[in-house]
PDB file of N, CA and C in Angstrom:
ATOM      1  N   MET A   1     124.122 133.615  97.535  1.00  0.00           N
ATOM      2  CA  MET A   1     122.950 133.891  98.299  1.00  0.00           C
ATOM      3  C   MET A   1     121.876 134.311  97.317  1.00  0.00           C
ATOM      4  N   LEU A   2     120.713 133.754  97.452  1.00  0.00           N
ATOM      5  CA  LEU A   2     119.570 134.051  96.593  1.00  0.00           C
ATOM      6  C   LEU A   2     118.471 134.604  97.477  1.00  0.00           C
ATOM      7  N   THR A   3     118.054 135.859  97.206  1.00  0.00           N
ATOM      8  CA  THR A   3     117.116 136.520  98.102  1.00  0.00           C
ATOM      9  C   THR A   3     116.331 137.598  97.378  1.00  0.00           C
ATOM     10  N   ALA A   4     115.253 138.032  98.006  1.00  0.00           N
ATOM     11  CA  ALA A   4     114.475 139.154  97.490  1.00  0.00           C
ATOM     12  C   ALA A   4     114.948 140.469  98.088  1.00  0.00           C
ATOM     13  N   LYS A   5     115.800 140.403  99.085  1.00  0.00           N
ATOM     14  CA  LYS A   5     116.296 141.618  99.750  1.00  0.00           C
ATOM     15  C   LYS A   5     117.395 142.237  98.903  1.00  0.00           C
ATOM     16  N   ALA A   6     117.125 143.440  98.388  1.00  0.00           N
ATOM     17  CA  ALA A   6     118.047 144.049  97.435  1.00  0.00           C
ATOM     18  C   ALA A   6     118.714 145.315  97.963  1.00  0.00           C
ATOM     19  N   GLN A   7     118.441 145.688  99.213  1.00  0.00           N
ATOM     20  CA  GLN A   7     119.071 146.891  99.740  1.00  0.00           C
ATOM     21  C   GLN A   7     120.542 146.629 100.038  1.00  0.00           C
ATOM     22  N   GLU A   8     121.327 147.684  99.944  1.00  0.00           N
ATOM     23  CA  GLU A   8     122.768 147.545 100.147  1.00  0.00           C
ATOM     24  C   GLU A   8     123.094 146.915 101.503  1.00  0.00           C
ATOM     25  N   ARG A   9     122.416 147.325 102.567  1.00  0.00           N
ATOM     26  CA  ARG A   9     122.729 146.783 103.896  1.00  0.00           C
ATOM     27  C   ARG A   9     122.473 145.276 103.959  1.00  0.00           C
ATOM     28  N   ASP A  10     121.459 144.803 103.227  1.00  0.00           N
ATOM     29  CA  ASP A  10     121.180 143.364 103.185  1.00  0.00           C
ATOM     30  C   ASP A  10     122.287 142.621 102.448  1.00  0.00           C
ATOM     31  N   LYS A  11     122.769 143.207 101.362  1.00  0.00           N
ATOM     32  CA  LYS A  11     123.858 142.585 100.603  1.00  0.00           C
ATOM     33  C   LYS A  11     125.122 142.512 101.449  1.00  0.00           C
ATOM     34  N   ILE A  12     125.420 143.594 102.154  1.00  0.00           N
ATOM     35  CA  ILE A  12     126.613 143.620 103.008  1.00  0.00           C
ATOM     36  C   ILE A  12     126.505 142.563 104.094  1.00  0.00           C
ATOM     37  N   ARG A  13     125.337 142.450 104.698  1.00  0.00           N
ATOM     38  CA  ARG A  13     125.131 141.400 105.719  1.00  0.00           C
ATOM     39  C   ARG A  13     125.351 140.015 105.123  1.00  0.00           C
ATOM     40  N   GLY A  14     124.885 139.819 103.899  1.00  0.00           N
ATOM     41  CA  GLY A  14     125.067 138.526 103.245  1.00  0.00           C
ATOM     42  C   GLY A  14     126.529 138.196 103.029  1.00  0.00           C
ATOM     43  N   PHE A  15     127.279 139.165 102.517  1.00  0.00           N
ATOM     44  CA  PHE A  15     128.713 138.937 102.303  1.00  0.00           C
ATOM     45  C   PHE A  15     129.448 138.769 103.625  1.00  0.00           C
ATOM     46  N   ASP A  16     129.077 139.560 104.626  1.00  0.00           N
ATOM     47  CA  ASP A  16     129.701 139.415 105.947  1.00  0.00           C
ATOM     48  C   ASP A  16     129.409 138.051 106.559  1.00  0.00           C
ATOM     49  N   ALA A  17     128.274 137.469 106.184  1.00  0.00           N
ATOM     50  CA  ALA A  17     127.907 136.147 106.694  1.00  0.00           C
ATOM     51  C   ALA A  17     128.630 135.029 105.950  1.00  0.00           C
ATOM     52  N   GLY A  18     129.367 135.375 104.877  1.00  0.00           N
ATOM     53  CA  GLY A  18     130.160 134.373 104.182  1.00  0.00           C
ATOM     54  C   GLY A  18     129.725 134.068 102.761  1.00  0.00           C
ATOM     55  N   ALA A  19     128.748 134.795 102.238  1.00  0.00           N
ATOM     56  CA  ALA A  19     128.289 134.539 100.868  1.00  0.00           C
ATOM     57  C   ALA A  19     129.398 134.849  99.869  1.00  0.00           C
ATOM     58  N   ASP A  20     129.536 134.000  98.854  1.00  0.00           N
ATOM     59  CA  ASP A  20     130.482 134.248  97.771  1.00  0.00           C
ATOM     60  C   ASP A  20     129.856 135.139  96.699  1.00  0.00           C
ATOM     61  N   ASP A  21     128.538 135.113  96.627  1.00  0.00           N
ATOM     62  CA  ASP A  21     127.816 135.907  95.643  1.00  0.00           C
ATOM     63  C   ASP A  21     126.450 136.236  96.226  1.00  0.00           C
ATOM     64  N   TYR A  22     125.773 137.215  95.638  1.00  0.00           N
ATOM     65  CA  TYR A  22     124.487 137.672  96.140  1.00  0.00           C
ATOM     66  C   TYR A  22     123.619 137.974  94.930  1.00  0.00           C
ATOM     67  N   LEU A  23     122.541 137.241  94.770  1.00  0.00           N
ATOM     68  CA  LEU A  23     121.654 137.387  93.624  1.00  0.00           C
ATOM     69  C   LEU A  23     120.252 137.705  94.133  1.00  0.00           C
ATOM     70  N   THR A  24     119.694 138.821  93.633  1.00  0.00           N
ATOM     71  CA  THR A  24     118.370 139.236  94.096  1.00  0.00           C
ATOM     72  C   THR A  24     117.302 138.893  93.067  1.00  0.00           C
ATOM     73  N   LYS A  25     116.111 138.629  93.576  1.00  0.00           N
ATOM     74  CA  LYS A  25     114.959 138.351  92.720  1.00  0.00           C
ATOM     75  C   LYS A  25     114.433 139.659  92.179  1.00  0.00           C
ATOM     76  N   PRO A  26     113.901 139.725  91.009  1.00  0.00           N
ATOM     77  CA  PRO A  26     113.850 138.647  90.027  1.00  0.00           C
ATOM     78  C   PRO A  26     115.186 138.531  89.290  1.00  0.00           C
ATOM     79  N   PHE A  27     115.461 137.349  88.806  1.00  0.00           N
ATOM     80  CA  PHE A  27     116.683 137.103  88.053  1.00  0.00           C
ATOM     81  C   PHE A  27     116.355 136.124  86.941  1.00  0.00           C
ATOM     82  N   SER A  28     117.220 136.085  85.936  1.00  0.00           N
ATOM     83  CA  SER A  28     116.993 135.154  84.828  1.00  0.00           C
ATOM     84  C   SER A  28     117.744 133.852  85.084  1.00  0.00           C
ATOM     85  N   ALA A  29     117.273 132.806  84.475  1.00  0.00           N
ATOM     86  CA  ALA A  29     117.945 131.512  84.594  1.00  0.00           C
ATOM     87  C   ALA A  29     119.352 131.598  83.997  1.00  0.00           C
ATOM     88  N   LYS A  30     119.510 132.377  82.922  1.00  0.00           N
ATOM     89  CA  LYS A  30     120.824 132.522  82.295  1.00  0.00           C
ATOM     90  C   LYS A  30     121.819 133.178  83.256  1.00  0.00           C
ATOM     91  N   GLU A  31     121.370 134.195  83.990  1.00  0.00           N
ATOM     92  CA  GLU A  31     122.264 134.854  84.946  1.00  0.00           C
ATOM     93  C   GLU A  31     122.647 133.896  86.059  1.00  0.00           C
ATOM     94  N   LEU A  32     121.693 133.126  86.556  1.00  0.00           N
ATOM     95  CA  LEU A  32     121.986 132.164  87.615  1.00  0.00           C
ATOM     96  C   LEU A  32     123.005 131.131  87.137  1.00  0.00           C
ATOM     97  N   VAL A  33     122.813 130.592  85.946  1.00  0.00           N
ATOM     98  CA  VAL A  33     123.745 129.608  85.396  1.00  0.00           C
ATOM     99  C   VAL A  33     125.134 130.224  85.227  1.00  0.00           C
ATOM    100  N   ALA A  34     125.208 131.461  84.737  1.00  0.00           N
ATOM    101  CA  ALA A  34     126.502 132.122  84.547  1.00  0.00           C
ATOM    102  C   ALA A  34     127.223 132.309  85.879  1.00  0.00           C
ATOM    103  N   ARG A  35     126.482 132.672  86.928  1.00  0.00           N
ATOM    104  CA  ARG A  35     127.100 132.861  88.238  1.00  0.00           C
ATOM    105  C   ARG A  35     127.581 131.531  88.828  1.00  0.00           C
ATOM    106  N   VAL A  36     126.809 130.472  88.648  1.00  0.00           N
ATOM    107  CA  VAL A  36     127.221 129.150  89.134  1.00  0.00           C
ATOM    108  C   VAL A  36     128.476 128.693  88.402  1.00  0.00           C
ATOM    109  N   LYS A  37     128.521 128.894  87.095  1.00  0.00           N
ATOM    110  CA  LYS A  37     129.715 128.526  86.321  1.00  0.00           C
ATOM    111  C   LYS A  37     130.947 129.290  86.804  1.00  0.00           C
ATOM    112  N   ALA A  38     130.773 130.574  87.114  1.00  0.00           N
ATOM    113  CA  ALA A  38     131.896 131.377  87.594  1.00  0.00           C
ATOM    114  C   ALA A  38     132.422 130.834  88.918  1.00  0.00           C
ATOM    115  N   VAL A  39     131.533 130.471  89.823  1.00  0.00           N
ATOM    116  CA  VAL A  39     131.957 129.908  91.113  1.00  0.00           C
ATOM    117  C   VAL A  39     132.677 128.580  90.899  1.00  0.00           C
ATOM    118  N   LEU A  40     132.146 127.745  90.012  1.00  0.00           N
ATOM    119  CA  LEU A  40     132.790 126.454  89.743  1.00  0.00           C
ATOM    120  C   LEU A  40     134.172 126.639  89.120  1.00  0.00           C
ATOM    121  N   ARG A  41     134.320 127.634  88.242  1.00  0.00           N
ATOM    122  CA  ARG A  41     135.640 127.920  87.652  1.00  0.00           C
ATOM    123  C   ARG A  41     136.635 128.294  88.733  1.00  0.00           C
ATOM    124  N   ARG A  42     136.220 129.152  89.639  1.00  0.00           N
ATOM    125  CA  ARG A  42     137.125 129.569  90.723  1.00  0.00           C
ATOM    126  C   ARG A  42     137.477 128.388  91.621  1.00  0.00           C
ATOM    127  N   ALA A  43     136.523 127.509  91.849  1.00  0.00           N
ATOM    128  CA  ALA A  43     136.758 126.362  92.735  1.00  0.00           C
ATOM    129  C   ALA A  43     137.726 125.367  92.106  1.00  0.00           C
ATOM    130  N   ARG A  44     137.756 125.280  90.786  1.00  0.00           N
ATOM    131  CA  ARG A  44     138.628 124.325  90.094  1.00  0.00           C
ATOM    132  C   ARG A  44     140.051 124.809  89.943  1.00  0.00           C
ATOM    133  N   GLN A  45     140.296 126.109  90.120  1.00  0.00           N
ATOM    134  CA  GLN A  45     141.648 126.627  89.946  1.00  0.00           C
ATOM    135  C   GLN A  45     142.547 126.070  91.030  1.00  0.00           C
ATOM    136  N   PRO A  46     143.703 125.538  90.633  1.00  0.00           N
ATOM    137  CA  PRO A  46     144.615 124.986  91.638  1.00  0.00           C
ATOM    138  C   PRO A  46     145.137 126.089  92.550  1.00  0.00           C
ATOM    139  N   GLN A  47     145.203 125.791  93.819  1.00  0.00           N
ATOM    140  CA  GLN A  47     145.724 126.747  94.788  1.00  0.00           C
ATOM    141  C   GLN A  47     147.242 126.633  94.819  1.00  0.00           C
ATOM    142  N   ALA A  48     147.891 127.757  94.648  1.00  0.00           N
ATOM    143  CA  ALA A  48     149.352 127.764  94.658  1.00  0.00           C
ATOM    144  C   ALA A  48     149.865 127.498  96.068  1.00  0.00           C
ATOM    145  N   ILE A  49     150.911 126.715  96.146  1.00  0.00           N
ATOM    146  CA  ILE A  49     151.552 126.463  97.436  1.00  0.00           C
ATOM    147  C   ILE A  49     152.510 127.626  97.685  1.00  0.00           C
ATOM    148  N   PRO A  50     152.315 128.337  98.780  1.00  0.00           N
ATOM    149  CA  PRO A  50     153.158 129.503  99.016  1.00  0.00           C
ATOM    150  C   PRO A  50     154.605 129.114  99.292  1.00  0.00           C
ATOM    151  N   ALA A  51     155.495 130.001  98.902  1.00  0.00           N
ATOM    152  CA  ALA A  51     156.907 129.792  99.203  1.00  0.00           C
ATOM    153  C   ALA A  51     157.097 129.858 100.709  1.00  0.00           C
ATOM    154  N   SER A  52     158.175 129.267 101.189  1.00  0.00           N
ATOM    155  CA  SER A  52     158.413 129.294 102.633  1.00  0.00           C
ATOM    156  C   SER A  52     158.865 130.667 103.101  1.00  0.00           C
ATOM    157  N   THR A  53     159.380 131.484 102.177  1.00  0.00           N
ATOM    158  CA  THR A  53     159.741 132.858 102.515  1.00  0.00           C
ATOM    159  C   THR A  53     159.301 133.785 101.390  1.00  0.00           C
ATOM    160  N   VAL A  54     159.032 135.021 101.766  1.00  0.00           N
ATOM    161  CA  VAL A  54     158.715 136.062 100.790  1.00  0.00           C
ATOM    162  C   VAL A  54     159.628 137.236 101.093  1.00  0.00           C
ATOM    163  N   ALA A  55     160.293 137.732 100.061  1.00  0.00           N
ATOM    164  CA  ALA A  55     161.171 138.891 100.222  1.00  0.00           C
ATOM    165  C   ALA A  55     160.619 140.034  99.384  1.00  0.00           C
ATOM    166  N   CYS A  56     160.594 141.198  99.982  1.00  0.00           N
ATOM    167  CA  CYS A  56     160.124 142.395  99.294  1.00  0.00           C
ATOM    168  C   CYS A  56     161.021 143.549  99.731  1.00  0.00           C
ATOM    169  N   GLY A  57     161.959 143.893  98.880  1.00  0.00           N
ATOM    170  CA  GLY A  57     162.905 144.943  99.248  1.00  0.00           C
ATOM    171  C   GLY A  57     163.720 144.517 100.459  1.00  0.00           C
ATOM    172  N   ARG A  58     163.670 145.309 101.506  1.00  0.00           N
ATOM    173  CA  ARG A  58     164.441 145.027 102.724  1.00  0.00           C
ATOM    174  C   ARG A  58     163.702 144.102 103.682  1.00  0.00           C
ATOM    175  N   LEU A  59     162.478 143.726 103.352  1.00  0.00           N
ATOM    176  CA  LEU A  59     161.636 142.892 104.216  1.00  0.00           C
ATOM    177  C   LEU A  59     161.677 141.437 103.785  1.00  0.00           C
ATOM    178  N   VAL A  60     161.864 140.532 104.755  1.00  0.00           N
ATOM    179  CA  VAL A  60     161.792 139.090 104.501  1.00  0.00           C
ATOM    180  C   VAL A  60     160.855 138.486 105.540  1.00  0.00           C
ATOM    181  N   VAL A  61     159.839 137.755 105.060  1.00  0.00           N
ATOM    182  CA  VAL A  61     158.907 137.056 105.943  1.00  0.00           C
ATOM    183  C   VAL A  61     159.154 135.570 105.773  1.00  0.00           C
ATOM    184  N   ASP A  62     159.477 134.899 106.854  1.00  0.00           N
ATOM    185  CA  ASP A  62     159.740 133.453 106.853  1.00  0.00           C
ATOM    186  C   ASP A  62     158.542 132.770 107.487  1.00  0.00           C
ATOM    187  N   PHE A  63     157.734 132.100 106.656  1.00  0.00           N
ATOM    188  CA  PHE A  63     156.511 131.468 107.142  1.00  0.00           C
ATOM    189  C   PHE A  63     156.798 130.256 108.016  1.00  0.00           C
ATOM    190  N   ALA A  64     157.829 129.511 107.684  1.00  0.00           N
ATOM    191  CA  ALA A  64     158.150 128.306 108.457  1.00  0.00           C
ATOM    192  C   ALA A  64     158.534 128.668 109.888  1.00  0.00           C
ATOM    193  N   ARG A  65     159.277 129.743 110.041  1.00  0.00           N
ATOM    194  CA  ARG A  65     159.727 130.165 111.378  1.00  0.00           C
ATOM    195  C   ARG A  65     158.820 131.234 111.995  1.00  0.00           C
ATOM    196  N   GLN A  66     157.861 131.688 111.218  1.00  0.00           N
ATOM    197  CA  GLN A  66     156.990 132.786 111.623  1.00  0.00           C
ATOM    198  C   GLN A  66     157.809 133.975 112.108  1.00  0.00           C
ATOM    199  N   SER A  67     158.778 134.352 111.282  1.00  0.00           N
ATOM    200  CA  SER A  67     159.645 135.466 111.650  1.00  0.00           C
ATOM    201  C   SER A  67     159.646 136.516 110.553  1.00  0.00           C
ATOM    202  N   THR A  68     159.981 137.720 110.960  1.00  0.00           N
ATOM    203  CA  THR A  68     160.052 138.856 110.048  1.00  0.00           C
ATOM    204  C   THR A  68     161.393 139.543 110.239  1.00  0.00           C
ATOM    205  N   VAL A  69     162.062 139.820 109.132  1.00  0.00           N
ATOM    206  CA  VAL A  69     163.378 140.432 109.177  1.00  0.00           C
ATOM    207  C   VAL A  69     163.374 141.652 108.262  1.00  0.00           C
ATOM    208  N   VAL A  70     163.891 142.771 108.765  1.00  0.00           N
ATOM    209  CA  VAL A  70     164.060 143.983 107.965  1.00  0.00           C
ATOM    210  C   VAL A  70     165.515 144.420 108.102  1.00  0.00           C
ATOM    211  N   ASP A  71     166.159 144.599 106.970  1.00  0.00           N
ATOM    212  CA  ASP A  71     167.578 144.973 106.950  1.00  0.00           C
ATOM    213  C   ASP A  71     168.424 144.010 107.775  1.00  0.00           C
ATOM    214  N   GLY A  72     168.096 142.736 107.739  1.00  0.00           N
ATOM    215  CA  GLY A  72     168.875 141.724 108.444  1.00  0.00           C
ATOM    216  C   GLY A  72     168.609 141.632 109.930  1.00  0.00           C
ATOM    217  N   LYS A  73     167.672 142.429 110.446  1.00  0.00           N
ATOM    218  CA  LYS A  73     167.370 142.408 111.883  1.00  0.00           C
ATOM    219  C   LYS A  73     165.965 141.870 112.113  1.00  0.00           C
ATOM    220  N   ASN A  74     165.832 140.996 113.101  1.00  0.00           N
ATOM    221  CA  ASN A  74     164.514 140.463 113.444  1.00  0.00           C
ATOM    222  C   ASN A  74     163.609 141.577 113.949  1.00  0.00           C
ATOM    223  N   VAL A  75     162.352 141.491 113.542  1.00  0.00           N
ATOM    224  CA  VAL A  75     161.348 142.457 113.981  1.00  0.00           C
ATOM    225  C   VAL A  75     160.298 141.688 114.775  1.00  0.00           C
ATOM    226  N   ALA A  76     160.083 142.097 116.008  1.00  0.00           N
ATOM    227  CA  ALA A  76     159.081 141.448 116.851  1.00  0.00           C
ATOM    228  C   ALA A  76     157.697 141.970 116.472  1.00  0.00           C
ATOM    229  N   LEU A  77     156.819 141.056 116.109  1.00  0.00           N
ATOM    230  CA  LEU A  77     155.447 141.410 115.758  1.00  0.00           C
ATOM    231  C   LEU A  77     154.481 140.694 116.702  1.00  0.00           C
ATOM    232  N   THR A  78     153.347 141.319 116.963  1.00  0.00           N
ATOM    233  CA  THR A  78     152.301 140.637 117.711  1.00  0.00           C
ATOM    234  C   THR A  78     151.690 139.567 116.804  1.00  0.00           C
ATOM    235  N   ARG A  79     150.924 138.683 117.376  1.00  0.00           N
ATOM    236  CA  ARG A  79     150.266 137.637 116.588  1.00  0.00           C
ATOM    237  C   ARG A  79     149.381 138.264 115.504  1.00  0.00           C
ATOM    238  N   THR A  80     148.665 139.316 115.860  1.00  0.00           N
ATOM    239  CA  THR A  80     147.781 139.986 114.910  1.00  0.00           C
ATOM    240  C   THR A  80     148.573 140.661 113.802  1.00  0.00           C
ATOM    241  N   GLU A  81     149.652 141.347 114.150  1.00  0.00           N
ATOM    242  CA  GLU A  81     150.483 141.995 113.142  1.00  0.00           C
ATOM    243  C   GLU A  81     151.063 140.978 112.170  1.00  0.00           C
ATOM    244  N   TYR A  82     151.539 139.844 112.709  1.00  0.00           N
ATOM    245  CA  TYR A  82     152.102 138.819 111.838  1.00  0.00           C
ATOM    246  C   TYR A  82     151.022 138.239 110.923  1.00  0.00           C
ATOM    247  N   ALA A  83     149.825 137.989 111.453  1.00  0.00           N
ATOM    248  CA  ALA A  83     148.728 137.431 110.647  1.00  0.00           C
ATOM    249  C   ALA A  83     148.358 138.380 109.505  1.00  0.00           C
ATOM    250  N   LEU A  84     148.321 139.675 109.784  1.00  0.00           N
ATOM    251  CA  LEU A  84     148.023 140.652 108.733  1.00  0.00           C
ATOM    252  C   LEU A  84     149.134 140.684 107.682  1.00  0.00           C
ATOM    253  N   LEU A  85     150.378 140.727 108.144  1.00  0.00           N
ATOM    254  CA  LEU A  85     151.516 140.746 107.220  1.00  0.00           C
ATOM    255  C   LEU A  85     151.541 139.487 106.365  1.00  0.00           C
ATOM    256  N   ARG A  86     151.284 138.344 106.975  1.00  0.00           N
ATOM    257  CA  ARG A  86     151.267 137.073 106.246  1.00  0.00           C
ATOM    258  C   ARG A  86     150.205 137.092 105.142  1.00  0.00           C
ATOM    259  N   GLN A  87     149.007 137.555 105.479  1.00  0.00           N
ATOM    260  CA  GLN A  87     147.917 137.605 104.503  1.00  0.00           C
ATOM    261  C   GLN A  87     148.284 138.516 103.334  1.00  0.00           C
ATOM    262  N   LEU A  88     148.882 139.649 103.623  1.00  0.00           N
ATOM    263  CA  LEU A  88     149.291 140.560 102.554  1.00  0.00           C
ATOM    264  C   LEU A  88     150.428 139.968 101.725  1.00  0.00           C
ATOM    265  N   ALA A  89     151.394 139.329 102.374  1.00  0.00           N
ATOM    266  CA  ALA A  89     152.537 138.742 101.661  1.00  0.00           C
ATOM    267  C   ALA A  89     152.108 137.587 100.764  1.00  0.00           C
ATOM    268  N   LEU A  90     151.074 136.857 101.165  1.00  0.00           N
ATOM    269  CA  LEU A  90     150.599 135.730 100.356  1.00  0.00           C
ATOM    270  C   LEU A  90     149.746 136.173  99.169  1.00  0.00           C
ATOM    271  N   ASN A  91     149.432 137.458  99.106  1.00  0.00           N
ATOM    272  CA  ASN A  91     148.594 137.983  98.028  1.00  0.00           C
ATOM    273  C   ASN A  91     149.266 139.170  97.341  1.00  0.00           C
ATOM    274  N   PRO A  92     150.469 138.945  96.791  1.00  0.00           N
ATOM    275  CA  PRO A  92     151.163 140.067  96.156  1.00  0.00           C
ATOM    276  C   PRO A  92     150.408 140.579  94.935  1.00  0.00           C
ATOM    277  N   ASN A  93     150.444 141.872  94.752  1.00  0.00           N
ATOM    278  CA  ASN A  93     149.818 142.525  93.589  1.00  0.00           C
ATOM    279  C   ASN A  93     148.312 142.291  93.504  1.00  0.00           C
ATOM    280  N   ARG A  94     147.685 142.057  94.648  1.00  0.00           N
ATOM    281  CA  ARG A  94     146.232 141.862  94.697  1.00  0.00           C
ATOM    282  C   ARG A  94     145.646 142.758  95.774  1.00  0.00           C
ATOM    283  N   VAL A  95     144.404 143.142  95.571  1.00  0.00           N
ATOM    284  CA  VAL A  95     143.679 143.855  96.614  1.00  0.00           C
ATOM    285  C   VAL A  95     143.200 142.812  97.615  1.00  0.00           C
ATOM    286  N   VAL A  96     143.481 143.022  98.883  1.00  0.00           N
ATOM    287  CA  VAL A  96     143.024 142.112  99.935  1.00  0.00           C
ATOM    288  C   VAL A  96     141.861 142.800 100.634  1.00  0.00           C
ATOM    289  N   LEU A  97     140.711 142.158 100.595  1.00  0.00           N
ATOM    290  CA  LEU A  97     139.505 142.748 101.168  1.00  0.00           C
ATOM    291  C   LEU A  97     139.569 142.803 102.687  1.00  0.00           C
ATOM    292  N   HIS A  98     138.905 143.789 103.236  1.00  0.00           N
ATOM    293  CA  HIS A  98     138.850 143.987 104.682  1.00  0.00           C
ATOM    294  C   HIS A  98     138.370 142.725 105.390  1.00  0.00           C
ATOM    295  N   ARG A  99     137.331 142.109 104.862  1.00  0.00           N
ATOM    296  CA  ARG A  99     136.787 140.900 105.517  1.00  0.00           C
ATOM    297  C   ARG A  99     137.799 139.755 105.489  1.00  0.00           C
ATOM    298  N   ASP A 100     138.628 139.685 104.441  1.00  0.00           N
ATOM    299  CA  ASP A 100     139.651 138.641 104.371  1.00  0.00           C
ATOM    300  C   ASP A 100     140.753 138.888 105.395  1.00  0.00           C
ATOM    301  N   LEU A 101     141.087 140.156 105.602  1.00  0.00           N
ATOM    302  CA  LEU A 101     142.069 140.470 106.639  1.00  0.00           C
ATOM    303  C   LEU A 101     141.521 140.134 108.020  1.00  0.00           C
ATOM    304  N   LEU A 102     140.254 140.439 108.250  1.00  0.00           N
ATOM    305  CA  LEU A 102     139.645 140.109 109.544  1.00  0.00           C
ATOM    306  C   LEU A 102     139.623 138.599 109.766  1.00  0.00           C
ATOM    307  N   THR A 103     139.328 137.854 108.722  1.00  0.00           N
ATOM    308  CA  THR A 103     139.330 136.396 108.822  1.00  0.00           C
ATOM    309  C   THR A 103     140.732 135.892 109.137  1.00  0.00           C
ATOM    310  N   ALA A 104     141.746 136.507 108.537  1.00  0.00           N
ATOM    311  CA  ALA A 104     143.126 136.079 108.719  1.00  0.00           C
ATOM    312  C   ALA A 104     143.601 136.289 110.157  1.00  0.00           C
ATOM    313  N   VAL A 105     143.129 137.334 110.802  1.00  0.00           N
ATOM    314  CA  VAL A 105     143.596 137.615 112.157  1.00  0.00           C
ATOM    315  C   VAL A 105     142.767 136.929 113.211  1.00  0.00           C
ATOM    316  N   GLY A 106     141.683 136.304 112.825  1.00  0.00           N
ATOM    317  CA  GLY A 106     140.911 135.521 113.772  1.00  0.00           C
ATOM    318  C   GLY A 106     139.647 136.205 114.235  1.00  0.00           C
ATOM    319  N   PRO A 107     138.788 135.425 114.860  1.00  0.00           N
ATOM    320  CA  PRO A 107     137.475 135.918 115.252  1.00  0.00           C
ATOM    321  C   PRO A 107     137.517 137.018 116.314  1.00  0.00           C
ATOM    322  N   SER A 108     138.573 137.101 117.097  1.00  0.00           N
ATOM    323  CA  SER A 108     138.626 138.122 118.142  1.00  0.00           C
ATOM    324  C   SER A 108     138.670 139.521 117.545  1.00  0.00           C
ATOM    325  N   MET A 109     139.224 139.668 116.340  1.00  0.00           N
ATOM    326  CA  MET A 109     139.311 140.979 115.707  1.00  0.00           C
ATOM    327  C   MET A 109     138.097 141.276 114.838  1.00  0.00           C
ATOM    328  N   ALA A 110     137.325 140.278 114.485  1.00  0.00           N
ATOM    329  CA  ALA A 110     136.211 140.466 113.553  1.00  0.00           C
ATOM    330  C   ALA A 110     135.118 141.347 114.125  1.00  0.00           C
ATOM    331  N   THR A 111     135.031 141.484 115.429  1.00  0.00           N
ATOM    332  CA  THR A 111     133.982 142.279 116.034  1.00  0.00           C
ATOM    333  C   THR A 111     134.412 143.690 116.358  1.00  0.00           C
ATOM    334  N   THR A 112     135.696 144.006 116.159  1.00  0.00           N
ATOM    335  CA  THR A 112     136.165 145.352 116.505  1.00  0.00           C
ATOM    336  C   THR A 112     136.137 146.263 115.312  1.00  0.00           C
TER     337      THR A 112
END
C-alpha cells in the first residue's frame, strides 16, 4: 500500500484490508525497489506441502480425516476450534498473526 496517511490507525486499516506492506510518502525510490524485491522473493519461495498428519507430544492432528486425537482418544472440536488448531499445526515454530487466525476460521469470526 502506498499512501500519505502515516498514522498508526491508517496503517492498521491497510493491513486489515489485506495489504502485504505499507509505505508512506515521502519515500525513496531505493526503498520502494527494496520492498518490491522482498515481496517478489517471498512470492517465489516454494510452498511446502503439509504432511497429512502432525504429531506433537500426545496430540495428533489428521488433516485428511479432519480429526484430532489426544492420548489415543478422539477429541471432538467445533469447526472453528479445528480451523484454529490446523492453522497453528501448519505453522510450527512460527508466530501466527491474529489476522491470519481470523482468516483461517472464516469471515464469520473476523468481525467478532
